[in-house]
């Protein structure tokens, strides 16, 4: 398959370039931005696509435990399998950062059309308990 299969579209976030035209994301960058959008969208957030997004936002008030990290990894894998058919998920690692309010989600994936492998790290913020 050729790279045009990977797509070309507006970049995310939407911005303009130095010529005043919309910035464009193409090929592997389009895929990377799509993953970021999937992970950054809570289920039910899009009115016309209530199933779209990632279930990690249901876990935002959970304690930072190994169980929560495992559930976050499962939700990320499920969302990417459902909504990003251009990739194969190779590995997902979830690790605590700092004092425990941030989980770093490291996703190793391979673009199917090109067999190129990439890593994306997505920060997920847990709410700190007041107790």
C-alpha atoms as a PDB file:
ATOM      1  CA  UNK A   1       0.000   0.000   0.000  1.00  0.00           C
ATOM      2  CA  UNK A   2       1.100   3.545  -0.583  1.00  0.00           C
ATOM      3  CA  UNK A   3       1.269   6.391   1.897  1.00  0.00           C
ATOM      4  CA  UNK A   4      -1.764   8.301   0.503  1.00  0.00           C
ATOM      5  CA  UNK A   5      -3.895   5.591   2.116  1.00  0.00           C
ATOM      6  CA  UNK A   6      -2.822   7.036   5.481  1.00  0.00           C
ATOM      7  CA  UNK A   7      -4.671  10.260   4.773  1.00  0.00           C
ATOM      8  CA  UNK A   8      -4.218  13.976   4.566  1.00  0.00           C
ATOM      9  CA  UNK A   9      -6.290  16.490   6.512  1.00  0.00           C
ATOM     10  CA  UNK A  10      -6.359  19.452   8.815  1.00  0.00           C
ATOM     11  CA  UNK A  11      -3.765  19.323  11.544  1.00  0.00           C
ATOM     12  CA  UNK A  12      -4.780  19.038  15.166  1.00  0.00           C
ATOM     13  CA  UNK A  13      -5.144  21.430  16.796  1.00  0.00           C
ATOM     14  CA  UNK A  14      -6.442  23.428  13.854  1.00  0.00           C
ATOM     15  CA  UNK A  15      -3.982  26.203  13.004  1.00  0.00           C
ATOM     16  CA  UNK A  16      -2.793  28.269  10.072  1.00  0.00           C
ATOM     17  CA  UNK A  17       0.636  28.249   8.470  1.00  0.00           C
ATOM     18  CA  UNK A  18       2.784  31.277   7.554  1.00  0.00           C
ATOM     19  CA  UNK A  19       0.824  31.721   4.303  1.00  0.00           C
ATOM     20  CA  UNK A  20      -2.491  31.920   6.140  1.00  0.00           C
ATOM     21  CA  UNK A  21      -3.670  28.515   4.911  1.00  0.00           C
ATOM     22  CA  UNK A  22      -4.743  25.714   7.223  1.00  0.00           C
ATOM     23  CA  UNK A  23      -1.894  23.505   8.430  1.00  0.00           C
ATOM     24  CA  UNK A  24      -2.093  20.012   7.024  1.00  0.00           C
ATOM     25  CA  UNK A  25      -1.219  16.684   8.651  1.00  0.00           C
ATOM     26  CA  UNK A  26      -0.402  13.882   6.272  1.00  0.00           C
ATOM     27  CA  UNK A  27       0.511  10.217   6.328  1.00  0.00           C
ATOM     28  CA  UNK A  28       2.155   9.048   9.577  1.00  0.00           C
ATOM     29  CA  UNK A  29       1.596  12.455  11.207  1.00  0.00           C
ATOM     30  CA  UNK A  30      -2.110  12.141  10.407  1.00  0.00           C
ATOM     31  CA  UNK A  31      -2.143   8.758  12.149  1.00  0.00           C
ATOM     32  CA  UNK A  32      -0.304  10.149  15.209  1.00  0.00           C
ATOM     33  CA  UNK A  33      -2.772  13.015  15.503  1.00  0.00           C
ATOM     34  CA  UNK A  34      -5.694  10.603  15.135  1.00  0.00           C
ATOM     35  CA  UNK A  35      -4.388   8.548  18.068  1.00  0.00           C
ATOM     36  CA  UNK A  36      -4.066  11.723  20.138  1.00  0.00           C
ATOM     37  CA  UNK A  37      -7.681  12.682  19.279  1.00  0.00           C
ATOM     38  CA  UNK A  38      -8.998   9.215  20.182  1.00  0.00           C
ATOM     39  CA  UNK A  39      -7.228   9.267  23.556  1.00  0.00           C
ATOM     40  CA  UNK A  40      -8.246  12.869  24.258  1.00  0.00           C
ATOM     41  CA  UNK A  41     -11.949  12.258  23.645  1.00  0.00           C
ATOM     42  CA  UNK A  42     -14.149  10.886  26.420  1.00  0.00           C
ATOM     43  CA  UNK A  43     -16.904   8.457  25.462  1.00  0.00           C
ATOM     44  CA  UNK A  44     -20.152  10.369  24.973  1.00  0.00           C
ATOM     45  CA  UNK A  45     -18.353  13.660  24.313  1.00  0.00           C
ATOM     46  CA  UNK A  46     -19.267  13.726  20.605  1.00  0.00           C
ATOM     47  CA  UNK A  47     -22.997  14.081  20.210  1.00  0.00           C
ATOM     48  CA  UNK A  48     -23.258  12.333  16.836  1.00  0.00           C
ATOM     49  CA  UNK A  49     -20.750   9.595  17.786  1.00  0.00           C
ATOM     50  CA  UNK A  50     -21.363   8.804  21.475  1.00  0.00           C
ATOM     51  CA  UNK A  51     -19.336   5.589  21.228  1.00  0.00           C
ATOM     52  CA  UNK A  52     -16.224   7.390  19.940  1.00  0.00           C
ATOM     53  CA  UNK A  53     -13.354   7.997  22.321  1.00  0.00           C
ATOM     54  CA  UNK A  54     -11.467   6.314  25.106  1.00  0.00           C
ATOM     55  CA  UNK A  55     -12.855   5.026  28.402  1.00  0.00           C
ATOM     56  CA  UNK A  56      -9.926   6.291  30.474  1.00  0.00           C
ATOM     57  CA  UNK A  57     -11.943   9.328  31.539  1.00  0.00           C
ATOM     58  CA  UNK A  58     -14.232   7.012  33.525  1.00  0.00           C
ATOM     59  CA  UNK A  59     -11.161   6.305  35.683  1.00  0.00           C
ATOM     60  CA  UNK A  60     -10.078   9.870  36.420  1.00  0.00           C
ATOM     61  CA  UNK A  61     -11.073   9.676  40.114  1.00  0.00           C
ATOM     62  CA  UNK A  62      -9.525   6.238  40.736  1.00  0.00           C
ATOM     63  CA  UNK A  63      -6.568   5.755  43.062  1.00  0.00           C
ATOM     64  CA  UNK A  64      -3.199   5.466  41.367  1.00  0.00           C
ATOM     65  CA  UNK A  65      -2.713   1.718  41.738  1.00  0.00           C
ATOM     66  CA  UNK A  66      -1.436  -1.097  39.540  1.00  0.00           C
ATOM     67  CA  UNK A  67      -5.050  -2.083  38.963  1.00  0.00           C
ATOM     68  CA  UNK A  68      -5.919   1.394  37.680  1.00  0.00           C
ATOM     69  CA  UNK A  69      -2.865   1.390  35.411  1.00  0.00           C
ATOM     70  CA  UNK A  70      -3.949  -1.981  34.016  1.00  0.00           C
ATOM     71  CA  UNK A  71      -7.477  -0.735  33.358  1.00  0.00           C
ATOM     72  CA  UNK A  72      -6.108   2.390  31.660  1.00  0.00           C
ATOM     73  CA  UNK A  73      -3.979   0.201  29.384  1.00  0.00           C
ATOM     74  CA  UNK A  74      -6.985  -1.979  28.514  1.00  0.00           C
ATOM     75  CA  UNK A  75      -9.161   1.035  27.687  1.00  0.00           C
ATOM     76  CA  UNK A  76      -6.451   2.543  25.466  1.00  0.00           C
ATOM     77  CA  UNK A  77      -5.969  -0.738  23.607  1.00  0.00           C
ATOM     78  CA  UNK A  78      -9.731  -1.151  23.120  1.00  0.00           C
ATOM     79  CA  UNK A  79     -10.178   2.386  21.794  1.00  0.00           C
ATOM     80  CA  UNK A  80      -7.289   2.099  19.349  1.00  0.00           C
ATOM     81  CA  UNK A  81      -8.474  -1.279  18.070  1.00  0.00           C
ATOM     82  CA  UNK A  82     -11.949   0.150  17.447  1.00  0.00           C
ATOM     83  CA  UNK A  83     -11.131   3.556  16.020  1.00  0.00           C
ATOM     84  CA  UNK A  84      -7.695   3.437  14.363  1.00  0.00           C
ATOM     85  CA  UNK A  85      -7.585   0.648  11.765  1.00  0.00           C
ATOM     86  CA  UNK A  86      -4.384   1.998  10.189  1.00  0.00           C
ATOM     87  CA  UNK A  87      -2.206   0.709  13.041  1.00  0.00           C
ATOM     88  CA  UNK A  88      -1.249  -2.429  14.925  1.00  0.00           C
ATOM     89  CA  UNK A  89      -0.777  -1.807  18.643  1.00  0.00           C
ATOM     90  CA  UNK A  90       2.508  -3.446  19.631  1.00  0.00           C
ATOM     91  CA  UNK A  91       2.684  -2.555  23.321  1.00  0.00           C
ATOM     92  CA  UNK A  92       1.121  -0.272  25.906  1.00  0.00           C
ATOM     93  CA  UNK A  93       2.937   0.666  29.127  1.00  0.00           C
ATOM     94  CA  UNK A  94       1.379   2.804  31.874  1.00  0.00           C
ATOM     95  CA  UNK A  95       3.678   4.365  34.474  1.00  0.00           C
ATOM     96  CA  UNK A  96       3.225   6.874  37.293  1.00  0.00           C
ATOM     97  CA  UNK A  97       4.966  10.208  37.027  1.00  0.00           C
ATOM     98  CA  UNK A  98       5.842  12.560  39.875  1.00  0.00           C
ATOM     99  CA  UNK A  99       3.672  12.332  42.995  1.00  0.00           C
ATOM    100  CA  UNK A 100       1.172  10.030  41.343  1.00  0.00           C
ATOM    101  CA  UNK A 101      -1.369  12.339  39.735  1.00  0.00           C
ATOM    102  CA  UNK A 102      -0.043  11.678  36.225  1.00  0.00           C
ATOM    103  CA  UNK A 103       0.009   8.387  34.374  1.00  0.00           C
ATOM    104  CA  UNK A 104       2.221   8.312  31.291  1.00  0.00           C
ATOM    105  CA  UNK A 105       0.697   6.030  28.672  1.00  0.00           C
ATOM    106  CA  UNK A 106       3.408   4.848  26.290  1.00  0.00           C
ATOM    107  CA  UNK A 107       2.026   3.319  23.091  1.00  0.00           C
ATOM    108  CA  UNK A 108       4.220   1.432  20.648  1.00  0.00           C
ATOM    109  CA  UNK A 109       2.446   1.014  17.339  1.00  0.00           C
ATOM    110  CA  UNK A 110       3.164   0.074  13.762  1.00  0.00           C
ATOM    111  CA  UNK A 111       1.540   1.718  10.752  1.00  0.00           C
ATOM    112  CA  UNK A 112       0.162  -1.119   8.652  1.00  0.00           C
ATOM    113  CA  UNK A 113       0.635   0.507   5.233  1.00  0.00           C
ATOM    114  CA  UNK A 114       4.330   1.287   5.729  1.00  0.00           C
ATOM    115  CA  UNK A 115       5.448  -1.089   8.522  1.00  0.00           C
ATOM    116  CA  UNK A 116       7.036   1.912  10.252  1.00  0.00           C
ATOM    117  CA  UNK A 117       7.043   1.680  14.062  1.00  0.00           C
ATOM    118  CA  UNK A 118       6.394   4.650  16.348  1.00  0.00           C
ATOM    119  CA  UNK A 119       5.990   5.508  20.028  1.00  0.00           C
ATOM    120  CA  UNK A 120       3.537   8.027  21.431  1.00  0.00           C
ATOM    121  CA  UNK A 121       3.448   9.058  25.096  1.00  0.00           C
ATOM    122  CA  UNK A 122       0.114  10.416  26.295  1.00  0.00           C
ATOM    123  CA  UNK A 123      -0.171  12.030  29.755  1.00  0.00           C
ATOM    124  CA  UNK A 124      -3.330  11.112  31.681  1.00  0.00           C
ATOM    125  CA  UNK A 125      -4.119  13.142  34.793  1.00  0.00           C
ATOM    126  CA  UNK A 126      -5.791  11.567  37.796  1.00  0.00           C
ATOM    127  CA  UNK A 127      -7.661  13.873  40.159  1.00  0.00           C
ATOM    128  CA  UNK A 128      -6.016  14.145  43.538  1.00  0.00           C
ATOM    129  CA  UNK A 129      -8.156  12.921  46.407  1.00  0.00           C
ATOM    130  CA  UNK A 130      -8.831  15.507  49.121  1.00  0.00           C
ATOM    131  CA  UNK A 131      -9.055  12.816  51.809  1.00  0.00           C
END
